[in-house]
Amino acid sequence: MRERIYPWSALAILTALYTASFIDRQVLNLLVDPIKLSLGISDTQFSLLQGLGFMLAFVLFNPLAGWLVDRGNRPLLLLAAGSVWSLCTIFCGLATSFTLMFAARFGVGAAEAFIGPAGWSLLADTFDERRLPRALSIFLIGPYIGGGLALIFGGLLIRGAPELALALPFLAALEPWQVVFIAVGAPGLLLAFLALFIREPRRGARDARRASTAVPTRQALTFLWAERAFFLRFSLGMSALIISLYSLPAWMPAVLIRSFGGAPARVGLEFGAVTLIAGTAGVLSGPWVARLLDGGRFAGVVLVPVVAGAGLILGAGALILATGYGSALAAATLISFCYAMPQAPASAALQLASPAGMRGLIAALYTFIVATIGLVIAPTLVAFITEHVFRDSAAVHQSLSLVVAISAAAGLLLTLAARQHYRPLTSAQSAREVAVLGD
């Protein structure tokens, strides 16, 4: 009985850690104007805190994370990473300049580079091939729960900051936005220790055909080069779709506040609820849509991004035509659902196509590509178009719509092109992998 329950307990802990990482990452997005006013920075500088400050560390540490995940103790890596990103979130609340805030965001990005590769790798060694897509879909709820809770709790904390400062006198000298960072970062220090309840499974335990030890770097690169027609196109296609995932949470609060007159606390609660509910529904629906399209294990997992891309284009059109707060929020709901839908099938496709000894590496490379494109391009491109094309801060909803529509179209085409090259790890493919990997 205990052995049947354990995989789901481990999944719950990993999902909780992933959720916490996104709360710490995304709470910044609700605090655009207070931070700008306090630190005296522009929209473009703020977008660097959202994007480059986080992404630079995320990208630099991602290859190291993948290498360590394939060789080290994954639960201990998660304990260390969770502790560091929580401390750095607290430091965000203590920052008094753009430089210090940038440094704190760098620390958050460096630590969070470990959660994806470690989580994917642990789940692939804990769940069998049949249950892995569902397990990944639950794990990947984390960003949407985290993003939603960041906005909901952020809105509540902004409203309740004066009372919290009265209850905790050491917070009295801080501004409300600083209190928010400290309040969301502190619980993560305790949550990180839940990683100690996860066992370190034998690598490849769920797939007898694959190597159980780390694949040497040269052989891993040989395999990836041989299968580049799938891995590169699919990663670039998902990167284009993920631009919406990063740009909407980054700028939709500003859209609702600037363009449609929403109060920050209201926006935090309502857009947070949209992110949580629509994102969770989208990610859970992904495996179901994949099975509906093609049995869930083969072409279906790479067709889900095509369906999601079409939905994102419709959502972008609805946003640019929005005439009020309610219609803009409805458009954001559709976009949130659609950008979440392909995440679990895409993760499952990559893990099933990867030898066990390089799952961490491939997860890290995939995360590296999508983070570089998504985190660098998404927030800053929206800000650039707003400031230099429309030259009107109230036109941010037009900039956001344009970025979502164009990136979704590119993602749709690239993932459709990758479909014919997708070959999950089956008996027919094993012979070639054995030859490529030199086993």
Protein backbone atom coordinates (compact mmCIF):
# COMPACT_ATOMS: atom_id res chain seq x y z
CA MET A 1 0.00 0.00 0.00
CA ARG A 2 2.77 2.41 0.98
CA GLU A 3 4.62 1.69 -2.29
CA ARG A 4 1.48 2.48 -4.29
CA ILE A 5 1.02 5.78 -2.46
CA TYR A 6 4.67 6.88 -2.54
CA PRO A 7 4.87 7.96 -6.24
CA TRP A 8 1.91 10.29 -5.77
CA SER A 9 3.35 11.65 -2.52
CA ALA A 10 6.62 12.41 -4.29
CA LEU A 11 4.64 14.04 -7.10
CA ALA A 12 2.76 16.20 -4.58
CA ILE A 13 6.05 17.43 -3.05
CA LEU A 14 7.59 18.18 -6.44
CA THR A 15 4.45 20.04 -7.51
CA ALA A 16 4.47 22.06 -4.28
CA LEU A 17 8.10 23.05 -4.87
CA TYR A 18 7.38 23.98 -8.49
CA THR A 19 4.40 26.04 -7.33
CA ALA A 20 6.51 27.86 -4.76
CA SER A 21 9.15 28.65 -7.37
CA PHE A 22 6.56 30.33 -9.58
CA ILE A 23 5.05 32.31 -6.73
CA ASP A 24 8.50 33.74 -6.06
CA ARG A 25 9.14 34.28 -9.77
CA GLN A 26 5.79 35.85 -10.74
CA VAL A 27 4.82 38.04 -7.78
CA LEU A 28 6.99 40.78 -9.33
CA ASN A 29 4.44 41.19 -12.14
CA LEU A 30 1.74 42.62 -9.86
CA LEU A 31 4.11 45.22 -8.48
CA VAL A 32 5.11 47.02 -11.69
CA ASP A 33 4.11 50.58 -10.85
CA PRO A 34 5.03 50.58 -7.10
CA ILE A 35 8.52 49.24 -7.86
CA LYS A 36 9.00 51.65 -10.77
CA LEU A 37 8.04 54.58 -8.56
CA SER A 38 10.15 53.46 -5.61
CA LEU A 39 13.29 52.63 -7.61
CA GLY A 40 12.82 55.34 -10.27
CA ILE A 41 13.00 53.02 -13.30
CA SER A 42 11.28 52.83 -16.71
CA ASP A 43 9.07 50.13 -18.28
CA THR A 44 12.05 48.81 -20.21
CA GLN A 45 14.21 48.62 -17.07
CA PHE A 46 11.40 46.84 -15.26
CA SER A 47 11.13 44.38 -18.13
CA LEU A 48 14.82 43.58 -17.58
CA LEU A 49 13.98 42.60 -14.01
CA GLN A 50 11.20 40.37 -15.34
CA GLY A 51 13.30 38.94 -18.16
CA LEU A 52 17.05 39.42 -18.36
CA GLY A 53 17.72 39.61 -14.61
CA PHE A 54 16.05 36.23 -14.10
CA MET A 55 16.89 34.68 -17.46
CA LEU A 56 20.61 35.42 -17.47
CA ALA A 57 21.16 33.29 -14.39
CA PHE A 58 18.58 30.72 -15.50
CA VAL A 59 20.41 30.24 -18.80
CA LEU A 60 23.90 30.25 -17.29
CA PHE A 61 23.02 27.72 -14.59
CA ASN A 62 20.73 25.52 -16.68
CA PRO A 63 23.47 23.37 -18.30
CA LEU A 64 25.05 22.90 -14.86
CA ALA A 65 21.66 21.92 -13.45
CA GLY A 66 21.15 19.29 -16.15
CA TRP A 67 24.65 17.90 -15.67
CA LEU A 68 24.23 17.67 -11.89
CA VAL A 69 20.73 16.18 -12.14
CA ASP A 70 22.08 13.32 -14.27
CA ARG A 71 24.88 12.64 -11.74
CA GLY A 72 23.95 13.94 -8.29
CA ASN A 73 21.35 13.34 -5.61
CA ARG A 74 18.26 15.02 -6.98
CA PRO A 75 16.32 15.55 -3.71
CA LEU A 76 19.35 17.24 -2.12
CA LEU A 77 19.74 19.46 -5.18
CA LEU A 78 16.09 20.51 -4.80
CA LEU A 79 16.58 21.26 -1.10
CA ALA A 80 19.51 23.56 -1.86
CA ALA A 81 17.79 25.22 -4.82
CA GLY A 82 14.53 25.86 -2.97
CA SER A 83 16.37 27.45 -0.05
CA VAL A 84 18.35 29.75 -2.35
CA TRP A 85 15.43 31.01 -4.45
CA SER A 86 13.42 31.71 -1.27
CA LEU A 87 16.25 33.75 0.27
CA CYS A 88 16.74 35.68 -2.96
CA THR A 89 13.01 36.49 -3.09
CA ILE A 90 13.31 37.96 0.40
CA PHE A 91 16.31 39.98 -0.81
CA CYS A 92 14.13 41.37 -3.63
CA GLY A 93 11.99 42.93 -0.91
CA LEU A 94 15.06 44.53 0.68
CA ALA A 95 16.44 45.98 -2.57
CA THR A 96 16.88 49.76 -2.66
CA SER A 97 18.10 50.15 -6.24
CA PHE A 98 17.73 48.66 -9.69
CA THR A 99 21.16 47.02 -9.37
CA LEU A 100 20.33 45.27 -6.10
CA MET A 101 16.95 44.12 -7.42
CA PHE A 102 18.65 42.81 -10.56
CA ALA A 103 21.15 40.87 -8.43
CA ALA A 104 18.37 39.35 -6.31
CA ARG A 105 16.44 38.31 -9.42
CA PHE A 106 19.65 36.76 -10.74
CA GLY A 107 19.80 34.59 -7.63
CA VAL A 108 16.16 33.52 -8.04
CA GLY A 109 16.86 32.52 -11.66
CA ALA A 110 20.02 30.58 -10.81
CA ALA A 111 18.26 28.46 -8.18
CA GLU A 112 15.09 27.88 -10.18
CA ALA A 113 17.15 26.45 -13.06
CA PHE A 114 17.22 23.18 -11.07
CA ILE A 115 13.50 22.57 -10.48
CA GLY A 116 12.51 21.59 -14.03
CA PRO A 117 15.33 19.15 -14.89
CA ALA A 118 15.25 17.54 -11.43
CA GLY A 119 11.46 17.24 -11.39
CA TRP A 120 11.20 15.77 -14.87
CA SER A 121 14.02 13.33 -14.26
CA LEU A 122 12.62 12.14 -10.90
CA LEU A 123 9.14 11.64 -12.32
CA ALA A 124 10.44 9.72 -15.35
CA ASP A 125 12.19 7.31 -12.95
CA THR A 126 9.19 7.09 -10.59
CA PHE A 127 6.25 6.58 -13.00
CA ASP A 128 5.94 4.09 -15.82
CA GLU A 129 5.45 5.17 -19.42
CA ARG A 130 1.66 4.87 -19.22
CA ARG A 131 1.30 7.10 -16.16
CA LEU A 132 4.12 9.55 -16.93
CA PRO A 133 2.07 12.00 -19.08
CA ARG A 134 -0.55 12.30 -16.33
CA ALA A 135 2.11 12.72 -13.65
CA LEU A 136 3.84 15.41 -15.70
CA SER A 137 0.53 17.18 -16.28
CA ILE A 138 0.01 17.36 -12.49
CA PHE A 139 3.60 18.53 -11.93
CA LEU A 140 3.16 21.19 -14.59
CA ILE A 141 0.13 22.58 -12.78
CA GLY A 142 2.73 24.15 -10.49
CA PRO A 143 3.46 27.22 -12.64
CA TYR A 144 -0.23 28.04 -13.04
CA ILE A 145 -1.09 27.53 -9.39
CA GLY A 146 2.04 29.48 -8.48
CA GLY A 147 1.37 32.27 -10.95
CA GLY A 148 -2.24 32.53 -9.78
CA LEU A 149 -1.39 32.45 -6.09
CA ALA A 150 1.35 35.04 -6.63
CA LEU A 151 -1.26 37.46 -7.96
CA ILE A 152 -3.99 36.51 -5.47
CA PHE A 153 -1.76 36.63 -2.41
CA GLY A 154 0.06 39.63 -3.82
CA GLY A 155 -3.23 41.50 -4.12
CA LEU A 156 -4.27 40.50 -0.61
CA LEU A 157 -0.87 41.41 0.81
CA ILE A 158 -0.88 44.83 -0.87
CA ARG A 159 -4.25 45.49 0.72
CA GLY A 160 -3.21 44.10 4.11
CA ALA A 161 0.39 45.37 4.26
CA PRO A 162 -0.37 48.15 6.80
CA GLU A 163 -2.01 45.67 9.21
CA LEU A 164 0.85 43.20 8.72
CA ALA A 165 3.37 45.94 9.51
CA LEU A 166 1.48 46.73 12.74
CA ALA A 167 1.57 43.06 13.75
CA LEU A 168 5.26 42.72 12.84
CA PRO A 169 7.00 45.99 13.75
CA PHE A 170 10.21 45.14 11.88
CA LEU A 171 8.20 45.51 8.63
CA ALA A 172 6.93 49.00 9.51
CA ALA A 173 9.76 50.81 7.71
CA LEU A 174 9.15 48.91 4.45
CA GLU A 175 6.87 49.80 1.56
CA PRO A 176 3.93 47.45 0.77
CA TRP A 177 5.66 45.95 -2.27
CA GLN A 178 8.67 45.05 -0.10
CA VAL A 179 6.41 43.37 2.45
CA VAL A 180 4.90 41.27 -0.35
CA PHE A 181 8.30 39.86 -1.38
CA ILE A 182 9.26 38.97 2.18
CA ALA A 183 5.88 37.39 2.92
CA VAL A 184 5.98 35.12 -0.14
CA GLY A 185 9.67 34.22 0.15
CA ALA A 186 9.83 33.22 3.82
CA PRO A 187 7.55 30.12 3.67
CA GLY A 188 9.68 28.66 0.88
CA LEU A 189 12.54 28.13 3.30
CA LEU A 190 10.41 25.59 5.17
CA LEU A 191 8.88 24.09 2.04
CA ALA A 192 12.31 23.32 0.58
CA PHE A 193 12.91 20.73 3.32
CA LEU A 194 10.05 18.60 1.97
CA ALA A 195 12.51 17.49 -0.72
CA LEU A 196 14.13 15.28 1.91
CA PHE A 197 11.02 13.07 1.86
CA ILE A 198 11.66 12.17 -1.81
CA ARG A 199 13.74 9.06 -2.48
CA GLU A 200 16.55 9.08 -5.01
CA PRO A 201 15.35 6.37 -7.49
CA ARG A 202 17.58 4.27 -9.68
CA ARG A 203 18.00 6.01 -13.02
CA GLY A 204 16.12 4.24 -15.79
CA ALA A 205 14.23 2.13 -13.23
CA ARG A 206 11.03 2.42 -15.28
CA ASP A 207 12.59 1.55 -18.62
CA ALA A 208 14.77 -1.54 -18.83
CA ARG A 209 15.88 -0.71 -22.37
CA ARG A 210 17.69 2.48 -21.38
CA ALA A 211 21.00 3.14 -19.73
CA SER A 212 20.69 3.74 -15.99
CA THR A 213 23.83 5.89 -15.73
CA ALA A 214 24.63 9.29 -17.17
CA VAL A 215 25.42 9.23 -20.89
CA PRO A 216 28.84 10.74 -21.69
CA THR A 217 28.52 14.25 -23.09
CA ARG A 218 30.00 13.41 -26.50
CA GLN A 219 27.60 10.49 -27.03
CA ALA A 220 24.68 12.59 -25.83
CA LEU A 221 25.52 15.32 -28.33
CA THR A 222 25.84 12.69 -31.07
CA PHE A 223 22.34 11.44 -30.28
CA LEU A 224 20.87 14.95 -30.24
CA TRP A 225 22.55 15.81 -33.55
CA ALA A 226 21.19 12.65 -35.15
CA GLU A 227 17.67 13.53 -33.92
CA ARG A 228 17.94 17.30 -34.45
CA ALA A 229 15.08 17.38 -36.94
CA PHE A 230 12.72 16.68 -34.05
CA PHE A 231 14.44 18.10 -30.98
CA LEU A 232 15.41 21.46 -32.49
CA ARG A 233 12.16 22.15 -34.34
CA PHE A 234 10.02 21.02 -31.44
CA SER A 235 12.00 23.06 -28.89
CA LEU A 236 11.87 26.18 -31.05
CA GLY A 237 8.16 25.69 -31.69
CA MET A 238 7.39 25.31 -28.01
CA SER A 239 9.61 28.32 -27.30
CA ALA A 240 7.45 30.43 -29.59
CA LEU A 241 4.28 29.24 -27.84
CA ILE A 242 5.84 29.85 -24.43
CA ILE A 243 6.39 33.50 -25.31
CA SER A 244 2.68 33.87 -24.52
CA LEU A 245 3.17 32.11 -21.18
CA TYR A 246 5.78 34.68 -20.16
CA SER A 247 4.32 37.80 -21.79
CA LEU A 248 0.72 37.49 -20.56
CA PRO A 249 1.47 37.17 -16.80
CA ALA A 250 4.18 39.83 -17.14
CA TRP A 251 1.96 42.49 -18.73
CA MET A 252 -1.70 41.55 -18.30
CA PRO A 253 -1.88 43.15 -14.83
CA ALA A 254 -0.57 46.39 -16.38
CA VAL A 255 -3.13 46.03 -19.21
CA LEU A 256 -6.02 45.71 -16.77
CA ILE A 257 -4.72 48.58 -14.61
CA ARG A 258 -3.60 51.04 -17.30
CA SER A 259 -5.92 50.34 -20.21
CA PHE A 260 -9.09 49.31 -18.39
CA GLY A 261 -8.90 51.09 -15.02
CA GLY A 262 -8.61 48.08 -12.71
CA ALA A 263 -7.39 48.60 -9.13
CA PRO A 264 -4.18 46.65 -8.32
CA ALA A 265 -5.79 44.62 -5.51
CA ARG A 266 -8.76 43.71 -7.72
CA VAL A 267 -6.51 42.79 -10.63
CA GLY A 268 -4.40 40.59 -8.37
CA LEU A 269 -7.40 38.64 -7.13
CA GLU A 270 -9.27 38.32 -10.44
CA PHE A 271 -6.40 37.81 -12.86
CA GLY A 272 -4.77 35.56 -10.29
CA ALA A 273 -7.92 33.42 -10.23
CA VAL A 274 -7.90 33.31 -14.04
CA THR A 275 -4.26 32.22 -14.10
CA LEU A 276 -4.86 29.54 -11.50
CA ILE A 277 -8.13 28.12 -12.87
CA ALA A 278 -7.60 28.48 -16.62
CA GLY A 279 -3.93 27.45 -16.42
CA THR A 280 -4.71 24.38 -14.31
CA ALA A 281 -7.60 23.38 -16.59
CA GLY A 282 -5.39 23.84 -19.63
CA VAL A 283 -2.48 21.76 -18.39
CA LEU A 284 -4.75 18.95 -17.17
CA SER A 285 -6.58 18.90 -20.49
CA GLY A 286 -3.36 18.44 -22.48
CA PRO A 287 -3.00 14.65 -22.08
CA TRP A 288 -6.72 14.20 -22.76
CA VAL A 289 -6.47 16.21 -26.00
CA ALA A 290 -3.37 14.21 -26.96
CA ARG A 291 -5.25 10.92 -26.51
CA LEU A 292 -8.17 12.31 -28.46
CA LEU A 293 -5.91 13.28 -31.34
CA ASP A 294 -3.83 10.12 -31.55
CA GLY A 295 -3.77 7.71 -28.65
CA GLY A 296 -1.70 10.00 -26.42
CA ARG A 297 1.72 8.41 -26.99
CA PHE A 298 2.61 9.18 -30.58
CA ALA A 299 1.67 12.04 -32.92
CA GLY A 300 -0.97 13.32 -30.50
CA VAL A 301 1.59 14.75 -28.08
CA VAL A 302 3.05 16.95 -30.80
CA LEU A 303 -0.33 17.92 -32.26
CA VAL A 304 -1.53 19.49 -29.01
CA PRO A 305 0.80 22.50 -29.50
CA VAL A 306 -0.74 23.02 -32.95
CA VAL A 307 -4.24 23.17 -31.43
CA ALA A 308 -2.97 25.46 -28.67
CA GLY A 309 -1.35 27.80 -31.20
CA ALA A 310 -4.64 28.23 -33.03
CA GLY A 311 -6.38 29.02 -29.74
CA LEU A 312 -3.73 31.59 -28.83
CA ILE A 313 -4.25 33.43 -32.10
CA LEU A 314 -7.99 33.62 -31.36
CA GLY A 315 -7.27 34.85 -27.84
CA ALA A 316 -4.93 37.57 -29.12
CA GLY A 317 -7.61 38.75 -31.51
CA ALA A 318 -10.14 38.89 -28.69
CA LEU A 319 -7.75 40.91 -26.53
CA ILE A 320 -7.01 43.54 -29.14
CA LEU A 321 -10.77 43.95 -29.75
CA ALA A 322 -11.60 44.12 -26.03
CA THR A 323 -13.68 47.17 -25.12
CA GLY A 324 -13.71 46.85 -21.32
CA TYR A 325 -12.22 45.18 -18.26
CA GLY A 326 -14.51 42.14 -18.48
CA SER A 327 -13.86 41.37 -22.15
CA ALA A 328 -10.11 41.81 -21.64
CA LEU A 329 -10.20 39.39 -18.70
CA ALA A 330 -12.18 36.90 -20.82
CA ALA A 331 -9.53 37.08 -23.57
CA ALA A 332 -6.82 36.53 -20.97
CA THR A 333 -8.72 33.44 -19.77
CA LEU A 334 -8.64 31.90 -23.26
CA ILE A 335 -4.95 32.71 -23.72
CA SER A 336 -4.10 31.27 -20.28
CA PHE A 337 -5.93 28.03 -21.07
CA CYS A 338 -4.27 27.64 -24.47
CA TYR A 339 -0.68 28.34 -23.45
CA ALA A 340 -1.02 25.80 -20.63
CA MET A 341 -2.52 23.02 -22.76
CA PRO A 342 0.62 21.77 -24.58
CA GLN A 343 3.03 21.83 -21.63
CA ALA A 344 2.47 18.28 -20.29
CA PRO A 345 2.34 16.55 -23.72
CA ALA A 346 5.51 18.41 -24.75
CA SER A 347 7.34 17.36 -21.58
CA ALA A 348 6.19 13.76 -21.98
CA ALA A 349 7.26 13.71 -25.63
CA LEU A 350 10.75 14.88 -24.75
CA GLN A 351 11.15 12.45 -21.85
CA LEU A 352 9.85 9.47 -23.84
CA ALA A 353 12.17 10.36 -26.72
CA SER A 354 15.20 10.67 -24.42
CA PRO A 355 17.49 7.93 -23.08
CA ALA A 356 17.27 7.68 -19.27
CA GLY A 357 20.91 8.65 -18.84
CA MET A 358 20.37 12.02 -20.52
CA ARG A 359 16.83 12.95 -19.50
CA GLY A 360 18.12 15.63 -17.16
CA LEU A 361 20.37 17.02 -19.90
CA ILE A 362 17.59 17.13 -22.50
CA ALA A 363 15.17 18.70 -20.00
CA ALA A 364 17.84 21.30 -19.19
CA LEU A 365 18.58 22.04 -22.86
CA TYR A 366 14.88 22.36 -23.62
CA THR A 367 14.42 24.66 -20.63
CA PHE A 368 17.50 26.61 -21.75
CA ILE A 369 16.04 27.20 -25.20
CA VAL A 370 12.53 28.13 -24.09
CA ALA A 371 13.82 30.31 -21.25
CA THR A 372 16.27 32.15 -23.48
CA ILE A 373 13.60 32.89 -26.06
CA GLY A 374 10.63 33.27 -23.73
CA LEU A 375 12.17 35.20 -20.85
CA VAL A 376 14.35 37.47 -22.98
CA ILE A 377 11.94 38.22 -25.80
CA ALA A 378 8.51 38.18 -24.17
CA PRO A 379 8.56 40.89 -21.47
CA THR A 380 11.02 43.21 -23.23
CA LEU A 381 9.40 42.92 -26.67
CA VAL A 382 6.02 43.97 -25.27
CA ALA A 383 7.63 46.94 -23.49
CA PHE A 384 9.64 47.91 -26.59
CA ILE A 385 6.57 47.91 -28.86
CA THR A 386 4.58 49.89 -26.30
CA GLU A 387 7.27 52.55 -25.86
CA HIS A 388 8.76 52.78 -29.35
CA VAL A 389 6.00 51.72 -31.77
CA PHE A 390 2.73 52.84 -30.17
CA ARG A 391 4.47 55.39 -27.90
CA ASP A 392 1.59 55.20 -25.45
CA SER A 393 1.72 53.35 -22.13
CA ALA A 394 -2.05 52.75 -22.35
CA ALA A 395 -1.55 50.79 -25.60
CA VAL A 396 0.12 47.89 -23.78
CA HIS A 397 -2.86 45.62 -24.61
CA GLN A 398 -2.19 46.15 -28.33
CA SER A 399 1.49 45.32 -27.90
CA LEU A 400 0.66 42.22 -25.90
CA SER A 401 -1.90 41.04 -28.46
CA LEU A 402 0.58 41.48 -31.29
CA VAL A 403 3.31 39.51 -29.53
CA VAL A 404 0.95 36.66 -28.61
CA ALA A 405 -0.49 36.34 -32.13
CA ILE A 406 2.82 36.36 -34.01
CA SER A 407 4.59 33.99 -31.62
CA ALA A 408 1.63 31.59 -31.62
CA ALA A 409 1.62 31.42 -35.41
CA ALA A 410 5.35 30.65 -35.45
CA GLY A 411 4.92 27.97 -32.77
CA LEU A 412 2.07 26.34 -34.61
CA LEU A 413 4.08 26.02 -37.83
CA LEU A 414 7.27 24.76 -36.16
CA THR A 415 5.60 22.09 -34.04
CA LEU A 416 3.58 20.93 -37.03
CA ALA A 417 6.85 20.55 -38.96
CA ALA A 418 8.40 18.58 -36.06
CA ARG A 419 5.55 16.06 -36.00
CA GLN A 420 6.86 13.89 -38.82
CA HIS A 421 10.23 13.56 -37.07
CA TYR A 422 8.88 12.60 -33.67
CA ARG A 423 9.82 9.04 -32.79
CA PRO A 424 9.06 7.94 -29.23
CA LEU A 425 11.34 5.37 -27.72
CA THR A 426 9.84 2.12 -28.97
CA SER A 427 11.37 -1.22 -29.81
CA ALA A 428 11.73 -0.12 -33.39
CA GLN A 429 13.77 2.93 -32.32
CA SER A 430 15.81 1.20 -29.63
CA ALA A 431 18.20 -0.43 -32.07
CA ARG A 432 19.21 2.92 -33.48
CA GLU A 433 19.60 4.49 -30.03
CA VAL A 434 21.80 1.63 -28.90
CA ALA A 435 24.02 2.19 -31.91
CA VAL A 436 24.10 5.97 -31.49
CA LEU A 437 24.81 5.85 -27.77
CA GLY A 438 27.40 3.12 -28.08
CA ASP A 439 25.78 0.78 -25.51
